[in-house]
Amino acid sequence: QYKAHFYTEGSHCGPPYRDEDCWGSTKTKAQTPPILFQLLIDPSEGYPIHNASAEYTTVMEELHKVAEDFQAKAEFGTSQISRGSSKALSPCCSPGCKPFPTCCKCNKIPY
């Protein structure tokens, strides 16, 4: 129901979009305090909840508790990036075909 932005950066937006922080040329920046939106009322994230409101304070306290709990309990696995890559581990749209993996060619489905 709520979404907080602790960091923001530009995206596809540009003039005349009213939020200059959304423009593609905007670099990543920390939002202090975070920007909070109530997505059921404002799904376009155009109207942030004022950071001095009771709603903001209550929701952000809960979000911080959830984040701290997650960080305390999270177990991160060993990175798989350094293991390299193998075509044998790629999905194949012709399971069991031979010679594998060169036989894995998908026909385009016309729509």
C-alpha atoms as a PDB file:
ATOM      1  CA  GLN A   1       0.000   0.000   0.000  1.00  0.00           C
ATOM      2  CA  TYR A   2       2.959   2.340   0.634  1.00  0.00           C
ATOM      3  CA  LYS A   3       6.165   2.897  -1.278  1.00  0.00           C
ATOM      4  CA  ALA A   4       9.182   4.831  -0.040  1.00  0.00           C
ATOM      5  CA  HIS A   5      11.946   6.224  -2.231  1.00  0.00           C
ATOM      6  CA  PHE A   6      15.239   6.404  -0.342  1.00  0.00           C
ATOM      7  CA  TYR A   7      17.140   7.113  -3.577  1.00  0.00           C
ATOM      8  CA  THR A   8      15.897   8.469  -6.872  1.00  0.00           C
ATOM      9  CA  GLU A   9      17.348   8.937 -10.320  1.00  0.00           C
ATOM     10  CA  GLY A  10      16.120  10.102 -13.670  1.00  0.00           C
ATOM     11  CA  SER A  11      14.183   7.861 -16.010  1.00  0.00           C
ATOM     12  CA  HIS A  12      12.325   8.370 -19.275  1.00  0.00           C
ATOM     13  CA  CYS A  13      10.711  11.645 -18.212  1.00  0.00           C
ATOM     14  CA  GLY A  14      11.646  15.076 -19.416  1.00  0.00           C
ATOM     15  CA  PRO A  15      10.114  18.479 -20.024  1.00  0.00           C
ATOM     16  CA  PRO A  16       7.235  19.265 -19.662  1.00  0.00           C
ATOM     17  CA  TYR A  17       6.956  16.640 -16.861  1.00  0.00           C
ATOM     18  CA  ARG A  18       6.650  18.663 -13.646  1.00  0.00           C
ATOM     19  CA  ASP A  19       9.024  16.561 -11.508  1.00  0.00           C
ATOM     20  CA  GLU A  20      12.548  17.512 -12.625  1.00  0.00           C
ATOM     21  CA  ASP A  21      14.017  14.708 -10.452  1.00  0.00           C
ATOM     22  CA  CYS A  22      12.404  12.257 -12.885  1.00  0.00           C
ATOM     23  CA  TRP A  23      14.080  13.689 -15.973  1.00  0.00           C
ATOM     24  CA  GLY A  24      16.509  11.332 -17.685  1.00  0.00           C
ATOM     25  CA  SER A  25      19.486  13.622 -17.078  1.00  0.00           C
ATOM     26  CA  THR A  26      19.086  13.470 -13.273  1.00  0.00           C
ATOM     27  CA  LYS A  27      21.793  11.531 -11.407  1.00  0.00           C
ATOM     28  CA  THR A  28      21.101   9.192  -8.477  1.00  0.00           C
ATOM     29  CA  LYS A  29      20.549  11.091  -5.274  1.00  0.00           C
ATOM     30  CA  ALA A  30      19.642  10.206  -1.705  1.00  0.00           C
ATOM     31  CA  GLN A  31      16.276  11.447  -0.547  1.00  0.00           C
ATOM     32  CA  THR A  32      16.520  12.716   3.011  1.00  0.00           C
ATOM     33  CA  PRO A  33      13.904  12.307   4.283  1.00  0.00           C
ATOM     34  CA  PRO A  34      12.659   9.500   2.014  1.00  0.00           C
ATOM     35  CA  ILE A  35       9.722  10.258  -0.271  1.00  0.00           C
ATOM     36  CA  LEU A  36       6.622   8.269   0.716  1.00  0.00           C
ATOM     37  CA  PHE A  37       3.574   7.521  -1.437  1.00  0.00           C
ATOM     38  CA  GLN A  38       0.230   5.885  -0.646  1.00  0.00           C
ATOM     39  CA  LEU A  39      -0.204   3.730  -3.760  1.00  0.00           C
ATOM     40  CA  LEU A  40      -3.905   2.926  -3.303  1.00  0.00           C
ATOM     41  CA  ILE A  41      -4.740   6.631  -3.441  1.00  0.00           C
ATOM     42  CA  ASP A  42      -1.855   7.798  -5.655  1.00  0.00           C
ATOM     43  CA  PRO A  43      -0.695   4.959  -7.959  1.00  0.00           C
ATOM     44  CA  SER A  44       1.144   7.411 -10.228  1.00  0.00           C
ATOM     45  CA  GLU A  45       3.326   8.538  -7.292  1.00  0.00           C
ATOM     46  CA  GLY A  46       2.620  12.153  -8.048  1.00  0.00           C
ATOM     47  CA  TYR A  47       1.676  13.367  -4.567  1.00  0.00           C
ATOM     48  CA  PRO A  48       4.072  12.411  -1.765  1.00  0.00           C
ATOM     49  CA  ILE A  49       2.840  12.208   1.811  1.00  0.00           C
ATOM     50  CA  HIS A  50       4.128  15.209   3.740  1.00  0.00           C
ATOM     51  CA  ASN A  51       7.045  14.184   5.959  1.00  0.00           C
ATOM     52  CA  ALA A  52       5.660  16.092   8.960  1.00  0.00           C
ATOM     53  CA  SER A  53       2.357  14.202   8.946  1.00  0.00           C
ATOM     54  CA  ALA A  54       1.421  11.529  11.486  1.00  0.00           C
ATOM     55  CA  GLU A  55       0.822   9.074   8.623  1.00  0.00           C
ATOM     56  CA  TYR A  56       4.361   9.591   7.316  1.00  0.00           C
ATOM     57  CA  THR A  57       5.906   9.115  10.756  1.00  0.00           C
ATOM     58  CA  THR A  58       3.906   5.958  11.509  1.00  0.00           C
ATOM     59  CA  VAL A  59       4.549   4.326   8.131  1.00  0.00           C
ATOM     60  CA  MET A  60       8.255   5.164   8.044  1.00  0.00           C
ATOM     61  CA  GLU A  61       8.775   3.789  11.567  1.00  0.00           C
ATOM     62  CA  GLU A  62       7.189   0.515  10.436  1.00  0.00           C
ATOM     63  CA  LEU A  63       9.231   0.434   7.214  1.00  0.00           C
ATOM     64  CA  HIS A  64      12.458   0.952   9.157  1.00  0.00           C
ATOM     65  CA  LYS A  65      11.519  -1.891  11.553  1.00  0.00           C
ATOM     66  CA  VAL A  66      10.805  -4.238   8.645  1.00  0.00           C
ATOM     67  CA  ALA A  67      14.086  -3.290   6.936  1.00  0.00           C
ATOM     68  CA  GLU A  68      16.115  -3.780  10.123  1.00  0.00           C
ATOM     69  CA  ASP A  69      14.457  -7.161  10.719  1.00  0.00           C
ATOM     70  CA  PHE A  70      15.202  -8.227   7.163  1.00  0.00           C
ATOM     71  CA  GLN A  71      18.848  -7.161   7.422  1.00  0.00           C
ATOM     72  CA  ALA A  72      19.243  -9.018  10.720  1.00  0.00           C
ATOM     73  CA  LYS A  73      17.787 -12.278   9.357  1.00  0.00           C
ATOM     74  CA  ALA A  74      18.861 -12.252   5.707  1.00  0.00           C
ATOM     75  CA  GLU A  75      21.386 -14.847   4.628  1.00  0.00           C
ATOM     76  CA  PHE A  76      23.095 -14.009   1.398  1.00  0.00           C
ATOM     77  CA  GLY A  77      24.517 -16.803  -0.727  1.00  0.00           C
ATOM     78  CA  THR A  78      27.875 -16.889  -2.459  1.00  0.00           C
ATOM     79  CA  SER A  79      27.962 -14.898  -5.679  1.00  0.00           C
ATOM     80  CA  GLN A  80      27.581 -17.068  -8.772  1.00  0.00           C
ATOM     81  CA  ILE A  81      29.057 -14.489 -11.159  1.00  0.00           C
ATOM     82  CA  SER A  82      32.642 -15.694 -10.712  1.00  0.00           C
ATOM     83  CA  ARG A  83      31.640 -19.220 -11.720  1.00  0.00           C
ATOM     84  CA  GLY A  84      31.472 -18.163 -15.369  1.00  0.00           C
ATOM     85  CA  SER A  85      28.812 -19.131 -17.865  1.00  0.00           C
ATOM     86  CA  SER A  86      27.858 -22.173 -19.878  1.00  0.00           C
ATOM     87  CA  LYS A  87      25.430 -22.557 -22.768  1.00  0.00           C
ATOM     88  CA  ALA A  88      24.548 -25.947 -21.281  1.00  0.00           C
ATOM     89  CA  LEU A  89      22.819 -24.096 -18.449  1.00  0.00           C
ATOM     90  CA  SER A  90      20.678 -21.946 -20.753  1.00  0.00           C
ATOM     91  CA  PRO A  91      16.974 -22.708 -21.244  1.00  0.00           C
ATOM     92  CA  CYS A  92      16.248 -24.822 -24.314  1.00  0.00           C
ATOM     93  CA  CYS A  93      12.929 -24.689 -26.179  1.00  0.00           C
ATOM     94  CA  SER A  94      13.624 -28.196 -27.565  1.00  0.00           C
ATOM     95  CA  PRO A  95      14.396 -30.250 -24.437  1.00  0.00           C
ATOM     96  CA  GLY A  96      16.288 -33.465 -25.170  1.00  0.00           C
ATOM     97  CA  CYS A  97      17.395 -32.372 -28.656  1.00  0.00           C
ATOM     98  CA  LYS A  98      20.814 -33.291 -30.055  1.00  0.00           C
ATOM     99  CA  PRO A  99      23.453 -32.028 -30.541  1.00  0.00           C
ATOM    100  CA  PHE A 100      22.875 -29.995 -27.394  1.00  0.00           C
ATOM    101  CA  PRO A 101      23.036 -26.972 -27.008  1.00  0.00           C
ATOM    102  CA  THR A 102      23.335 -25.985 -30.695  1.00  0.00           C
ATOM    103  CA  CYS A 103      19.966 -27.645 -31.444  1.00  0.00           C
ATOM    104  CA  CYS A 104      18.164 -25.207 -29.152  1.00  0.00           C
ATOM    105  CA  LYS A 105      16.605 -22.916 -31.706  1.00  0.00           C
ATOM    106  CA  CYS A 106      13.200 -21.443 -31.093  1.00  0.00           C
ATOM    107  CA  ASN A 107      10.749 -20.656 -33.856  1.00  0.00           C
ATOM    108  CA  LYS A 108       9.250 -17.210 -33.567  1.00  0.00           C
ATOM    109  CA  ILE A 109       5.576 -17.321 -32.737  1.00  0.00           C
ATOM    110  CA  PRO A 110       3.557 -14.982 -34.977  1.00  0.00           C
ATOM    111  CA  TYR A 111       1.091 -12.759 -33.149  1.00  0.00           C
END
